[in-house]
Every structure is written in structure tokens, then in C-alpha cells.
Amino acid sequence: MQIFIATAGHYDSYRIVGAFSNPAAAKLASKLAGMDPPEVATYELDPEQATHPEGKFLYVVTCYLVEGIANFDAQITNTEDADYLDDKPLAVGESYIGTDFAYVWAKDKEEALAVVDKVKLEASEKACREL
């Protein structure tokens, strides 16, 4: 089901006038609030959202030093732990690989470690040595 959001104003005066079940009512509300032409945004009400890619789990892979050697470990985590990385939302199915940790969608721990190993092993070892 779609909803129609009527808005009015610009910059500091921008506001939502109301949410409507039909576009004509939303346009009228926006126009009555002073917008000509009226401003209406259309959204899907309660869209179905996947929580993770099928057959995959979110792993956090961390890098740590043992006697000067970089080691990696992977643990299943949840998307709430990785919602914001570098002020950027983590989209469903998106992986984030940093210098000393990574969030990776994988079918198991071995695959998560292999992804990080393939993409960032060299950079991660260097970053861990600098810790």
C-alpha cells in the first residue's frame, strides 16, 4: 500500500503537512499550506525488508596480535552491531572491510575469514603491527 506525504516550506521552514492514502488529498494539503506547485512524496507503507542475504550470516572478523603475528577470528554478530560504520549505513548484504576489523556476509566462519584474507590480509597485518 502506498502513502502520500504532503510537505511544505524550504530549508529551515520545511515540514511534513500530513500523510494521506490518496495523492489528491496530499496535493490539496500541500497547496493549502502554501506550496504551488504542491510537493508530495510517495512511499510504500510497511515494505518487506530482508534481514540478511539468504544462506548468509553477518560475521565480524577481528585482527589481533599474538607475539607480533597478526591473527584473525570470526564470530557471528547481528546487523545492529554494524548499522553505522564510518557514518555510513550498512545495507543488507553489504560487507565492510576496515583495516583491523570487518563485517562480512558469509555462509560460515571459514568463508568469512577467506573473504577478509583475500581482500585485506596485507593491509590488515600492517595495521595490526602499527597498533
Protein backbone atom coordinates (compact mmCIF):
# COMPACT_ATOMS: atom_id res chain seq x y z
CA MET A 1 0.00 0.00 0.00
CA GLN A 2 1.28 3.44 -0.87
CA ILE A 3 1.09 6.56 1.29
CA PHE A 4 1.46 10.12 0.11
CA ILE A 5 3.35 12.65 2.26
CA ALA A 6 2.46 16.30 1.72
CA THR A 7 5.25 18.74 2.53
CA ALA A 8 5.65 22.49 2.61
CA GLY A 9 8.40 25.03 3.10
CA HIS A 10 12.10 25.10 2.30
CA TYR A 11 15.25 24.60 4.36
CA ASP A 12 14.53 25.67 7.98
CA SER A 13 10.79 26.01 7.34
CA TYR A 14 10.49 22.58 5.65
CA ARG A 15 7.84 20.42 7.30
CA ILE A 16 5.52 17.49 6.75
CA VAL A 17 1.94 18.69 6.40
CA GLY A 18 0.39 15.23 6.60
CA ALA A 19 0.27 11.64 5.40
CA PHE A 20 -2.58 10.59 3.11
CA SER A 21 -3.93 7.47 1.48
CA ASN A 22 -4.53 9.19 -1.87
CA PRO A 23 -2.43 11.63 -3.90
CA ALA A 24 -5.22 14.17 -4.50
CA ALA A 25 -5.69 14.80 -0.76
CA ALA A 26 -1.93 15.13 -0.27
CA LYS A 27 -1.63 17.63 -3.14
CA LEU A 28 -4.50 19.69 -1.76
CA ALA A 29 -2.96 19.75 1.74
CA SER A 30 0.41 20.85 0.37
CA LYS A 31 -1.20 23.54 -1.75
CA LEU A 32 -3.26 24.81 1.22
CA ALA A 33 0.00 25.01 3.19
CA GLY A 34 1.33 27.45 0.61
CA MET A 35 3.14 25.24 -1.88
CA ASP A 36 2.48 25.94 -5.56
CA PRO A 37 3.07 23.55 -7.14
CA PRO A 38 2.28 21.17 -4.27
CA GLU A 39 5.01 18.84 -3.05
CA VAL A 40 4.07 15.21 -2.45
CA ALA A 41 6.36 12.24 -1.86
CA THR A 42 5.16 8.68 -2.38
CA TYR A 43 6.27 5.84 -0.08
CA GLU A 44 5.45 2.18 0.30
CA LEU A 45 3.79 1.57 3.67
CA ASP A 46 5.50 -1.24 5.61
CA PRO A 47 7.69 -2.50 2.76
CA GLU A 48 9.01 -6.02 3.21
CA GLN A 49 12.65 -5.88 4.19
CA ALA A 50 15.12 -8.69 4.18
CA THR A 51 17.17 -9.04 7.32
CA HIS A 52 20.08 -10.75 5.59
CA PRO A 53 21.03 -12.42 2.31
CA GLU A 54 19.66 -15.94 2.03
CA GLY A 55 22.04 -18.57 3.37
CA LYS A 56 24.45 -15.98 4.79
CA PHE A 57 25.21 -14.70 8.28
CA LEU A 58 26.93 -11.50 9.34
CA TYR A 59 30.36 -12.16 10.82
CA VAL A 60 32.66 -9.69 12.50
CA VAL A 61 36.25 -10.58 11.69
CA THR A 62 38.82 -9.06 14.04
CA CYS A 63 42.56 -8.80 13.80
CA TYR A 64 44.75 -9.13 16.87
CA LEU A 65 48.43 -9.61 17.58
CA VAL A 66 49.99 -12.64 19.27
CA GLU A 67 53.76 -12.34 19.68
CA GLY A 68 53.89 -9.84 16.81
CA ILE A 69 51.94 -12.03 14.37
CA ALA A 70 48.56 -10.91 13.05
CA ASN A 71 45.77 -13.37 13.79
CA PHE A 72 42.16 -13.28 12.69
CA ASP A 73 39.00 -14.55 14.30
CA ALA A 74 35.40 -14.50 13.09
CA GLN A 75 32.24 -14.51 15.18
CA ILE A 76 28.61 -14.30 14.13
CA THR A 77 27.17 -10.91 15.03
CA ASN A 78 23.97 -9.04 14.20
CA THR A 79 23.19 -6.16 11.89
CA GLU A 80 22.53 -3.79 14.80
CA ASP A 81 26.22 -4.06 15.73
CA ALA A 82 27.19 -2.96 12.21
CA ASP A 83 24.43 -0.48 11.41
CA TYR A 84 26.76 2.51 11.18
CA LEU A 85 30.35 2.29 10.10
CA ASP A 86 32.23 5.44 9.20
CA ASP A 87 28.88 7.31 9.39
CA LYS A 88 27.55 5.19 6.54
CA PRO A 89 24.68 2.74 6.99
CA LEU A 90 25.47 -0.90 6.29
CA ALA A 91 22.90 -2.03 3.73
CA VAL A 92 21.50 -5.52 3.71
CA GLY A 93 24.02 -7.79 2.02
CA GLU A 94 26.80 -5.19 2.08
CA SER A 95 30.12 -6.05 3.65
CA TYR A 96 32.52 -3.60 5.28
CA ILE A 97 36.21 -4.35 5.42
CA GLY A 98 38.32 -1.99 7.51
CA THR A 99 41.98 -2.17 8.48
CA ASP A 100 41.65 -4.09 11.76
CA PHE A 101 38.11 -5.46 11.61
CA ALA A 102 35.49 -6.38 9.04
CA TYR A 103 31.80 -7.14 8.82
CA VAL A 104 31.32 -9.86 6.22
CA TRP A 105 28.26 -11.76 4.98
CA ALA A 106 29.29 -15.40 4.71
CA LYS A 107 27.83 -18.89 4.94
CA ASP A 108 30.28 -19.91 7.68
CA LYS A 109 33.32 -18.81 9.69
CA GLU A 110 35.78 -20.22 7.14
CA GLU A 111 34.22 -18.27 4.29
CA ALA A 112 34.24 -15.06 6.37
CA LEU A 113 37.94 -15.49 7.12
CA ALA A 114 38.68 -16.31 3.46
CA VAL A 115 36.94 -13.13 2.26
CA VAL A 116 38.97 -10.95 4.60
CA ASP A 117 42.14 -12.87 3.81
CA LYS A 118 41.64 -12.38 0.10
CA VAL A 119 40.74 -8.70 0.24
CA LYS A 120 42.68 -7.18 3.09
CA LEU A 121 45.24 -9.55 4.57
CA GLU A 122 48.23 -7.41 3.67
CA ALA A 123 46.67 -4.12 4.83
CA SER A 124 45.26 -5.69 8.00
CA GLU A 125 48.60 -7.19 9.02
CA LYS A 126 50.28 -3.83 8.51
CA ALA A 127 47.59 -2.05 10.57
CA CYS A 128 47.84 -4.63 13.36
CA ARG A 129 51.64 -4.24 13.51
CA GLU A 130 51.16 -0.48 13.93
CA LEU A 131 48.82 -0.92 16.93
